[in-house]
């Protein structure tokens, strides 16, 4: 068996793993990374990037459809549009290919050695990898576990046939006539909205009382209104109980005990993701766990000396940008730098229509901590740039301490607000106060002005409302 020794071994080349390996290579650390599929992990290959490509294509198609139906406020008309989903998917795959090749190129540039295959731990310093050329043994001084997460399956509605996960949904070659989505979280609503715009009859089944339960109701109401406009039927307080043995329809039961069968060409299960802790030899390691996740400290160290863990396998929030930040930090720690996790804000973005962004505390969360707060929102209906883009639905909202005006949280819902997330996070990380945001010149006409206006309104100094 071929053996390799290195200073740092990274298991998993998702966002956290590949960033960790690249940064380690830049710092002169002898680094090996192991990946069973392609560089980039779930996010780049079958998650964040391809889903945003599909969402963009659906948005463009929906705009053309409105124009063809004579519903455009811009005075533009054209013939009825058509979509060739296979070509759309080919375009999406081309983007993914360019990015995965780009990551591979960055490995090479940083001097990182890549081993393709499935890794399995023998102990905390040794991993055996099944490669196309046979088994390979890798010994390392320090190990980083970055195995990521996988979709959660429903025992009553197991994957297979027309029951699919987001991975298969992003590879469909034809627009389904009907789509049942189990789960009203961000994955289900992002994809459900996209397919509704492409022409599918979409029904969302959510067990909780409302959609997007991780966001507060004020933020999610505009999303619910848009779903209704698109013809998406949303069943809240409803549970998927199984498949009809004869017709294959999805059986649903409401809180009131009413039963209903939903015929669907495909049933998309999006009830969450779970850490990938099986199949790579976790049983050979003495790791403390925090429920399903690997327990880590503020330097991403596990209970085993020389073993770090990053990304989805370590817990919530299961977001690519959290994993990336952890990966960069761990690489620098291995290089001898003094680093620890001290982030104040990890923004969460939901790419629905309209988009939703949240950084820091919501007003309810701040009050639940016993804080007295000032909070205010500025609607995009009073923002000139939003109006010129037909994006008047939504707002920017700020929450700050009542005594010293320290900003605790910033949220927004509206067209394209994902691009405001960096400003929100920066304000929180820099310890901005309402006066700092209100006193910063925001370019006109831009949607970012709503951020300053929300801060002004919280100070009682609103200008445009």
Protein backbone atom coordinates (compact mmCIF):
# COMPACT_ATOMS: atom_id res chain seq x y z
CA UNK A 1 0.00 0.00 0.00
CA UNK A 2 1.31 3.43 -0.95
CA UNK A 3 1.99 5.66 2.06
CA UNK A 4 2.14 9.45 2.28
CA UNK A 5 3.07 11.64 5.24
CA UNK A 6 2.15 15.30 5.67
CA UNK A 7 1.83 18.00 8.29
CA UNK A 8 -1.86 18.68 7.62
CA UNK A 9 -4.54 16.37 6.27
CA UNK A 10 -7.95 17.79 5.36
CA UNK A 11 -10.76 15.27 4.87
CA UNK A 12 -13.40 16.78 2.59
CA UNK A 13 -13.01 19.48 -0.07
CA UNK A 14 -16.21 21.41 0.53
CA UNK A 15 -16.15 25.17 1.23
CA UNK A 16 -14.52 24.71 4.63
CA UNK A 17 -12.08 22.02 3.59
CA UNK A 18 -10.82 23.58 0.39
CA UNK A 19 -10.36 27.02 1.97
CA UNK A 20 -8.48 25.42 4.86
CA UNK A 21 -6.18 23.52 2.49
CA UNK A 22 -5.52 26.50 0.21
CA UNK A 23 -4.71 28.82 3.12
CA UNK A 24 -2.48 26.18 4.71
CA UNK A 25 -0.62 25.76 1.42
CA UNK A 26 -0.17 29.52 1.16
CA UNK A 27 1.38 29.47 4.63
CA UNK A 28 3.91 26.84 3.57
CA UNK A 29 2.30 23.91 5.37
CA UNK A 30 2.72 20.49 3.75
CA UNK A 31 -0.97 19.78 3.06
CA UNK A 32 -2.97 16.88 1.63
CA UNK A 33 -6.71 17.07 0.97
CA UNK A 34 -8.94 14.07 0.33
CA UNK A 35 -12.20 14.31 -1.62
CA UNK A 36 -14.39 11.47 -2.90
CA UNK A 37 -16.29 13.44 -5.56
CA UNK A 38 -15.25 16.90 -6.79
CA UNK A 39 -13.62 19.94 -5.19
CA UNK A 40 -16.21 22.33 -3.85
CA UNK A 41 -18.43 19.89 -1.98
CA UNK A 42 -22.20 20.09 -1.80
CA UNK A 43 -22.32 23.89 -1.96
CA UNK A 44 -20.44 24.28 -5.20
CA UNK A 45 -21.50 21.11 -7.01
CA UNK A 46 -25.12 20.40 -6.01
CA UNK A 47 -26.13 23.21 -3.64
CA UNK A 48 -25.51 26.95 -3.37
CA UNK A 49 -24.10 27.66 -6.81
CA UNK A 50 -26.28 25.44 -9.06
CA UNK A 51 -29.44 26.39 -7.18
CA UNK A 52 -28.72 30.10 -7.70
CA UNK A 53 -28.14 29.42 -11.40
CA UNK A 54 -31.56 27.75 -11.64
CA UNK A 55 -33.16 30.57 -9.64
CA UNK A 56 -31.68 33.16 -11.99
CA UNK A 57 -32.90 31.28 -15.07
CA UNK A 58 -36.37 31.01 -13.52
CA UNK A 59 -36.39 34.74 -12.74
CA UNK A 60 -35.50 35.61 -16.34
CA UNK A 61 -38.16 33.25 -17.69
CA UNK A 62 -40.78 34.71 -15.34
CA UNK A 63 -39.99 38.24 -16.53
CA UNK A 64 -40.43 37.21 -20.16
CA UNK A 65 -43.65 35.36 -19.33
CA UNK A 66 -45.10 38.51 -17.74
CA UNK A 67 -44.18 40.50 -20.82
CA UNK A 68 -45.77 37.92 -23.12
CA UNK A 69 -48.93 38.02 -21.03
CA UNK A 70 -49.09 41.81 -21.33
CA UNK A 71 -48.51 42.25 -17.59
CA UNK A 72 -45.27 44.19 -17.80
CA UNK A 73 -45.40 47.68 -16.29
CA UNK A 74 -42.44 48.64 -18.47
CA UNK A 75 -44.39 48.68 -21.72
CA UNK A 76 -42.40 45.76 -23.15
CA UNK A 77 -44.16 43.00 -25.06
CA UNK A 78 -42.95 39.89 -26.88
CA UNK A 79 -44.00 36.45 -28.06
CA UNK A 80 -44.61 33.62 -25.63
CA UNK A 81 -41.26 32.40 -24.22
CA UNK A 82 -40.22 28.77 -23.98
CA UNK A 83 -37.59 27.08 -21.87
CA UNK A 84 -35.35 24.14 -22.71
CA UNK A 85 -34.48 22.97 -19.20
CA UNK A 86 -31.81 20.62 -20.51
CA UNK A 87 -29.91 23.59 -21.95
CA UNK A 88 -30.41 25.47 -18.69
CA UNK A 89 -28.98 22.55 -16.73
CA UNK A 90 -26.06 22.29 -19.18
CA UNK A 91 -25.34 26.00 -18.57
CA UNK A 92 -25.52 25.42 -14.81
CA UNK A 93 -23.19 22.43 -15.08
CA UNK A 94 -20.73 24.50 -17.09
CA UNK A 95 -20.58 27.06 -14.27
CA UNK A 96 -20.05 24.30 -11.72
CA UNK A 97 -17.32 22.77 -13.87
CA UNK A 98 -15.48 26.06 -14.22
CA UNK A 99 -15.59 26.61 -10.47
CA UNK A 100 -14.50 23.08 -9.50
CA UNK A 101 -11.64 23.31 -11.98
CA UNK A 102 -10.80 26.68 -10.44
CA UNK A 103 -10.56 25.15 -6.98
CA UNK A 104 -8.34 22.37 -8.32
CA UNK A 105 -6.13 25.03 -9.89
CA UNK A 106 -5.90 26.88 -6.57
CA UNK A 107 -4.80 23.65 -4.87
CA UNK A 108 -2.01 23.33 -7.39
CA UNK A 109 -1.02 26.98 -7.03
CA UNK A 110 -0.83 26.63 -3.23
CA UNK A 111 1.13 23.37 -3.40
CA UNK A 112 -1.68 21.27 -1.94
CA UNK A 113 -1.70 17.59 -2.87
CA UNK A 114 -5.14 16.20 -3.76
CA UNK A 115 -6.10 12.56 -3.23
CA UNK A 116 -9.32 11.45 -4.93
CA UNK A 117 -11.20 8.75 -3.07
CA UNK A 118 -13.17 7.87 0.04
CA UNK A 119 -11.25 8.37 3.29
CA UNK A 120 -11.61 6.19 6.36
CA UNK A 121 -9.82 6.84 9.63
CA UNK A 122 -7.69 4.14 11.23
CA UNK A 123 -6.84 6.42 14.15
CA UNK A 124 -6.49 10.15 14.86
CA UNK A 125 -3.37 10.44 12.71
CA UNK A 126 -3.92 7.89 9.97
CA UNK A 127 -6.41 7.68 7.12
CA UNK A 128 -6.84 5.01 4.46
CA UNK A 129 -8.19 6.21 1.13
CA UNK A 130 -9.78 4.00 -1.51
CA UNK A 131 -8.56 5.50 -4.77
CA UNK A 132 -8.89 4.36 -8.37
CA UNK A 133 -5.28 3.19 -8.17
CA UNK A 134 -5.89 1.18 -5.02
CA UNK A 135 -5.71 1.91 -1.29
CA UNK A 136 -3.45 4.69 -0.05
CA UNK A 137 -2.36 5.39 3.51
CA UNK A 138 -1.95 8.98 4.70
CA UNK A 139 -0.28 9.87 8.00
CA UNK A 140 -0.55 13.42 9.32
CA UNK A 141 0.55 15.48 12.29
CA UNK A 142 -2.75 17.40 12.28
CA UNK A 143 -6.12 16.42 10.83
CA UNK A 144 -9.12 18.54 9.87
CA UNK A 145 -12.49 16.79 9.53
CA UNK A 146 -14.64 18.65 6.97
CA UNK A 147 -17.07 15.94 5.86
CA UNK A 148 -20.08 18.25 5.54
CA UNK A 149 -23.71 17.19 5.58
CA UNK A 150 -26.31 15.23 3.61
CA UNK A 151 -30.08 15.63 3.08
CA UNK A 152 -32.35 14.26 5.79
CA UNK A 153 -34.63 11.48 4.55
CA UNK A 154 -38.21 10.92 5.68
CA UNK A 155 -38.91 7.31 6.70
CA UNK A 156 -42.50 7.65 5.47
CA UNK A 157 -41.37 9.08 2.12
CA UNK A 158 -37.97 7.50 1.32
CA UNK A 159 -35.81 8.75 -1.53
CA UNK A 160 -36.13 6.86 -4.79
CA UNK A 161 -38.17 6.99 -7.99
CA UNK A 162 -40.01 10.29 -8.15
CA UNK A 163 -39.10 11.14 -4.53
CA UNK A 164 -36.03 13.33 -4.86
CA UNK A 165 -33.66 15.55 -2.91
CA UNK A 166 -32.38 18.94 -3.98
CA UNK A 167 -29.51 17.18 -5.78
CA UNK A 168 -31.84 15.43 -8.22
CA UNK A 169 -34.10 18.49 -8.53
CA UNK A 170 -31.15 20.51 -9.83
CA UNK A 171 -30.49 17.88 -12.51
CA UNK A 172 -34.01 17.52 -13.97
CA UNK A 173 -34.05 17.76 -17.76
CA UNK A 174 -37.71 18.79 -18.04
CA UNK A 175 -39.91 21.09 -16.02
CA UNK A 176 -42.28 18.89 -14.00
CA UNK A 177 -45.97 19.53 -14.51
CA UNK A 178 -46.52 19.26 -10.77
CA UNK A 179 -44.15 19.31 -7.82
CA UNK A 180 -44.88 18.61 -4.17
CA UNK A 181 -42.29 20.10 -1.81
CA UNK A 182 -42.04 18.66 1.69
CA UNK A 183 -40.51 21.32 3.90
CA UNK A 184 -41.09 25.07 3.88
CA UNK A 185 -37.55 26.06 4.82
CA UNK A 186 -35.13 27.94 2.61
CA UNK A 187 -34.16 25.00 0.36
CA UNK A 188 -37.74 23.98 -0.33
CA UNK A 189 -38.96 27.51 -0.98
CA UNK A 190 -35.99 28.51 -3.13
CA UNK A 191 -36.46 25.53 -5.44
CA UNK A 192 -40.24 25.54 -5.20
CA UNK A 193 -40.35 29.20 -6.25
CA UNK A 194 -37.97 28.56 -9.14
CA UNK A 195 -40.04 25.68 -10.53
CA UNK A 196 -43.27 27.63 -10.06
CA UNK A 197 -41.81 30.40 -12.23
CA UNK A 198 -40.80 27.81 -14.83
CA UNK A 199 -44.39 26.58 -15.03
CA UNK A 200 -44.76 23.79 -12.46
CA UNK A 201 -47.82 23.53 -10.25
CA UNK A 202 -46.13 23.63 -6.84
CA UNK A 203 -47.55 22.63 -3.46
CA UNK A 204 -45.51 23.16 -0.29
CA UNK A 205 -46.16 20.99 2.76
CA UNK A 206 -44.80 22.44 6.03
CA UNK A 207 -45.37 20.81 9.42
CA UNK A 208 -44.92 24.02 11.41
CA UNK A 209 -47.50 26.85 11.56
CA UNK A 210 -45.65 29.02 9.01
CA UNK A 211 -43.01 28.94 6.29
CA UNK A 212 -39.37 29.85 6.90
CA UNK A 213 -39.70 29.26 10.65
CA UNK A 214 -36.10 30.30 11.33
CA UNK A 215 -36.99 33.87 10.32
CA UNK A 216 -39.52 36.06 12.12
CA UNK A 217 -43.00 36.51 10.70
CA UNK A 218 -42.48 40.15 9.69
CA UNK A 219 -39.71 39.04 7.32
CA UNK A 220 -41.56 36.09 5.84
CA UNK A 221 -44.93 37.70 5.11
CA UNK A 222 -43.75 39.23 1.80
CA UNK A 223 -42.46 35.80 0.74
CA UNK A 224 -45.85 34.26 1.48
CA UNK A 225 -47.62 36.91 -0.58
CA UNK A 226 -45.31 36.29 -3.54
CA UNK A 227 -45.85 32.53 -3.36
CA UNK A 228 -49.59 33.13 -3.57
CA UNK A 229 -49.09 35.38 -6.62
CA UNK A 230 -47.11 32.59 -8.30
CA UNK A 231 -49.92 30.11 -7.66
CA UNK A 232 -47.96 28.09 -5.10
CA UNK A 233 -50.24 26.36 -2.63
CA UNK A 234 -48.79 26.37 0.89
CA UNK A 235 -50.10 23.88 3.44
CA UNK A 236 -48.85 24.78 6.93
CA UNK A 237 -49.45 22.62 9.97
CA UNK A 238 -49.47 19.65 7.61
CA UNK A 239 -47.43 16.44 7.65
CA UNK A 240 -46.50 14.07 4.85
CA UNK A 241 -47.56 10.62 6.02
CA UNK A 242 -46.52 8.47 3.06
CA UNK A 243 -47.24 7.59 -0.54
CA UNK A 244 -50.45 6.18 -1.93
CA UNK A 245 -49.64 2.59 -2.88
CA UNK A 246 -51.86 2.71 -5.98
CA UNK A 247 -51.39 6.21 -7.42
CA UNK A 248 -48.07 7.28 -5.92
CA UNK A 249 -49.65 10.51 -4.66
CA UNK A 250 -48.31 12.12 -1.52
CA UNK A 251 -50.56 11.57 1.48
CA UNK A 252 -50.84 14.62 3.73
CA UNK A 253 -52.56 15.09 7.08
CA UNK A 254 -53.41 18.52 8.49
CA UNK A 255 -53.47 19.61 12.13
CA UNK A 256 -57.24 19.33 12.06
CA UNK A 257 -56.89 15.66 11.12
CA UNK A 258 -58.01 16.11 7.54
CA UNK A 259 -56.35 13.85 5.01
CA UNK A 260 -55.47 14.73 1.44
CA UNK A 261 -53.68 13.10 -1.48
CA UNK A 262 -51.40 15.30 -3.60
CA UNK A 263 -50.67 13.88 -7.07
CA UNK A 264 -47.24 15.05 -8.23
CA UNK A 265 -44.78 14.24 -10.98
CA UNK A 266 -42.01 14.66 -8.40
CA UNK A 267 -41.93 14.89 -4.62
CA UNK A 268 -39.06 17.04 -3.39
CA UNK A 269 -38.02 16.32 0.21
CA UNK A 270 -36.32 19.30 1.86
CA UNK A 271 -36.73 18.75 5.58
CA UNK A 272 -33.17 19.69 6.48
CA UNK A 273 -29.64 18.37 6.42
CA UNK A 274 -27.67 16.26 8.89
CA UNK A 275 -23.92 16.03 9.52
CA UNK A 276 -22.11 13.34 7.57
CA UNK A 277 -20.67 11.30 10.44
CA UNK A 278 -21.03 7.84 8.93
CA UNK A 279 -18.81 5.86 6.60
CA UNK A 280 -15.48 7.55 7.30
CA UNK A 281 -14.47 5.79 10.52
CA UNK A 282 -15.68 8.12 13.24
CA UNK A 283 -15.97 5.04 15.46
CA UNK A 284 -12.16 4.77 15.38
CA UNK A 285 -11.86 8.21 16.98
CA UNK A 286 -12.53 9.31 20.56
CA UNK A 287 -14.55 12.40 19.71
CA UNK A 288 -16.91 14.15 22.09
CA UNK A 289 -20.23 14.82 20.39
CA UNK A 290 -22.81 17.59 20.78
CA UNK A 291 -25.90 15.66 19.78
CA UNK A 292 -25.40 14.67 16.14
CA UNK A 293 -22.47 17.05 15.70
CA UNK A 294 -18.78 16.92 16.58
CA UNK A 295 -18.09 19.11 19.60
CA UNK A 296 -15.46 21.80 19.03
CA UNK A 297 -13.99 24.72 20.97
CA UNK A 298 -13.31 28.29 19.85
CA UNK A 299 -10.36 27.08 17.76
CA UNK A 300 -12.32 24.24 16.13
CA UNK A 301 -10.36 21.71 18.18
CA UNK A 302 -12.09 18.44 18.98
CA UNK A 303 -11.59 16.37 22.11
CA UNK A 304 -8.64 14.65 20.40
CA UNK A 305 -5.28 16.40 20.28
CA UNK A 306 -4.30 17.31 16.74
CA UNK A 307 -7.82 16.78 15.34
CA UNK A 308 -9.90 19.76 14.27
CA UNK A 309 -13.40 19.80 12.74
CA UNK A 310 -15.08 22.51 10.67
CA UNK A 311 -18.27 23.20 8.75
CA UNK A 312 -21.62 21.44 8.80
CA UNK A 313 -20.30 18.46 10.74
CA UNK A 314 -19.79 20.79 13.74
CA UNK A 315 -23.28 22.23 14.01
CA UNK A 316 -25.43 25.24 13.25
CA UNK A 317 -25.51 27.46 11.39
CA UNK A 318 -24.80 25.02 8.57
CA UNK A 319 -23.66 27.67 6.12
CA UNK A 320 -20.83 27.63 3.59
CA UNK A 321 -19.43 31.00 4.66
CA UNK A 322 -19.18 29.84 8.29
CA UNK A 323 -17.25 26.78 7.13
CA UNK A 324 -14.93 28.94 5.02
CA UNK A 325 -14.15 31.24 7.93
CA UNK A 326 -13.48 28.26 10.17
CA UNK A 327 -11.23 26.68 7.54
CA UNK A 328 -9.15 29.81 7.14
CA UNK A 329 -8.81 30.16 10.92
CA UNK A 330 -7.71 26.55 11.47
CA UNK A 331 -5.06 26.78 8.75
CA UNK A 332 -3.58 29.82 10.47
CA UNK A 333 -3.71 28.11 13.87
CA UNK A 334 -1.79 25.14 12.45
CA UNK A 335 0.75 27.62 11.09
CA UNK A 336 1.26 28.99 14.60
CA UNK A 337 -0.87 32.12 14.40
CA UNK A 338 -2.95 33.22 17.39
CA UNK A 339 -6.54 32.87 16.24
CA UNK A 340 -9.88 32.03 17.82
CA UNK A 341 -13.51 32.23 16.78
CA UNK A 342 -14.77 35.70 17.65
CA UNK A 343 -17.36 36.40 14.96
CA UNK A 344 -20.29 38.59 15.97
CA UNK A 345 -22.36 38.08 12.84
CA UNK A 346 -22.89 35.20 10.43
CA UNK A 347 -25.41 36.45 7.88
CA UNK A 348 -28.11 34.08 6.68
CA UNK A 349 -29.62 34.59 3.23
CA UNK A 350 -32.71 32.99 1.77
CA UNK A 351 -32.82 33.35 -2.04
CA UNK A 352 -36.58 33.29 -2.32
CA UNK A 353 -38.64 35.93 -4.11
CA UNK A 354 -38.22 38.36 -2.44
CA UNK A 355 -34.89 37.53 -0.84
CA UNK A 356 -34.47 37.51 2.93
CA UNK A 357 -31.32 38.48 4.87
CA UNK A 358 -30.70 38.31 8.60
CA UNK A 359 -27.57 39.26 10.54
CA UNK A 360 -27.46 39.43 14.31
CA UNK A 361 -30.51 39.51 16.55
CA UNK A 362 -34.11 40.10 15.55
CA UNK A 363 -36.13 42.48 17.77
CA UNK A 364 -37.82 39.49 19.45
CA UNK A 365 -34.49 37.76 20.11
CA UNK A 366 -32.99 40.92 21.58
CA UNK A 367 -35.98 41.45 23.87
CA UNK A 368 -35.89 37.78 24.91
CA UNK A 369 -32.37 38.45 26.24
CA UNK A 370 -33.83 41.13 28.49
CA UNK A 371 -32.58 44.08 26.42
CA UNK A 372 -34.41 47.35 25.90
CA UNK A 373 -34.16 48.11 22.21
CA UNK A 374 -34.87 50.64 19.51
CA UNK A 375 -36.04 49.16 16.26
CA UNK A 376 -37.25 50.64 12.99
CA UNK A 377 -37.72 49.63 9.39
CA UNK A 378 -37.61 51.54 6.14
CA UNK A 379 -39.82 50.22 3.34
CA UNK A 380 -38.55 49.83 -0.21
CA UNK A 381 -41.81 51.42 -1.35
CA UNK A 382 -40.15 54.71 -0.32
CA UNK A 383 -36.82 53.91 -2.00
CA UNK A 384 -36.34 55.35 -5.50
CA UNK A 385 -33.98 52.66 -6.77
CA UNK A 386 -36.24 49.84 -5.62
CA UNK A 387 -39.19 51.49 -7.37
CA UNK A 388 -37.30 51.73 -10.67
CA UNK A 389 -36.60 47.98 -10.48
CA UNK A 390 -40.20 47.06 -9.61
CA UNK A 391 -38.85 45.98 -6.23
CA UNK A 392 -41.10 47.91 -3.86
CA UNK A 393 -41.98 44.86 -1.75
CA UNK A 394 -39.96 44.62 1.47
CA UNK A 395 -37.86 46.71 3.83
CA UNK A 396 -34.62 47.06 5.83
CA UNK A 397 -34.93 46.80 9.62
CA UNK A 398 -32.43 47.65 12.34
CA UNK A 399 -32.44 46.79 16.03
CA UNK A 400 -30.18 48.56 18.53
CA UNK A 401 -29.75 48.92 22.27
CA UNK A 402 -31.94 51.69 23.63
CA UNK A 403 -29.26 53.12 25.92
CA UNK A 404 -26.17 53.48 23.70
CA UNK A 405 -27.63 52.71 20.24
CA UNK A 406 -25.22 49.80 19.61
CA UNK A 407 -26.63 47.88 16.65
CA UNK A 408 -27.62 44.32 17.60
CA UNK A 409 -29.23 43.07 14.43
CA UNK A 410 -30.12 43.97 10.86
CA UNK A 411 -32.64 42.22 8.62
CA UNK A 412 -34.05 42.86 5.18
CA UNK A 413 -36.53 41.39 2.75
CA UNK A 414 -36.71 42.50 -0.85
CA UNK A 415 -35.39 42.16 -4.36
CA UNK A 416 -31.62 41.64 -4.41
CA UNK A 417 -31.11 42.29 -0.68
CA UNK A 418 -28.61 39.42 -0.50
CA UNK A 419 -26.05 41.94 -1.77
CA UNK A 420 -26.63 44.10 1.31
CA UNK A 421 -25.59 41.28 3.65
CA UNK A 422 -21.91 42.28 3.70
CA UNK A 423 -22.79 45.82 4.84
CA UNK A 424 -24.98 44.41 7.59
CA UNK A 425 -22.27 42.04 8.84
CA UNK A 426 -19.58 44.69 8.65
CA UNK A 427 -21.65 47.08 10.76
CA UNK A 428 -22.13 44.41 13.43
CA UNK A 429 -18.49 43.27 13.40
CA UNK A 430 -17.27 46.88 13.69
CA UNK A 431 -19.58 47.58 16.63
CA UNK A 432 -21.51 50.27 14.75
CA UNK A 433 -24.09 52.43 16.45
CA UNK A 434 -27.18 53.87 14.83
CA UNK A 435 -25.39 57.20 14.45
CA UNK A 436 -22.53 55.51 12.53
CA UNK A 437 -24.90 54.03 9.95
CA UNK A 438 -27.05 57.15 9.69
CA UNK A 439 -23.95 59.31 9.31
CA UNK A 440 -22.39 57.21 6.54
CA UNK A 441 -23.11 58.53 3.05
CA UNK A 442 -24.94 55.87 1.04
CA UNK A 443 -24.89 56.35 -2.73
CA UNK A 444 -28.07 57.57 -4.39
CA UNK A 445 -30.05 56.04 -5.97
CA UNK A 446 -29.36 52.62 -4.42
CA UNK A 447 -31.27 50.18 -2.26
CA UNK A 448 -28.54 50.59 0.36
CA UNK A 449 -30.06 53.97 1.24
CA UNK A 450 -32.82 52.05 3.01
CA UNK A 451 -30.18 50.87 5.50
CA UNK A 452 -29.24 54.44 6.45
CA UNK A 453 -32.88 55.50 6.47
CA UNK A 454 -33.81 52.67 8.86
CA UNK A 455 -31.09 53.84 11.26
CA UNK A 456 -32.31 57.45 10.93
CA UNK A 457 -35.85 56.35 11.64
CA UNK A 458 -34.73 54.48 14.76
CA UNK A 459 -33.16 57.77 15.91
CA UNK A 460 -36.34 59.68 15.17
CA UNK A 461 -34.70 61.44 12.24
CA UNK A 462 -36.38 59.81 9.23
CA UNK A 463 -36.16 61.93 6.09
CA UNK A 464 -38.05 60.08 3.37
CA UNK A 465 -40.97 58.61 5.26
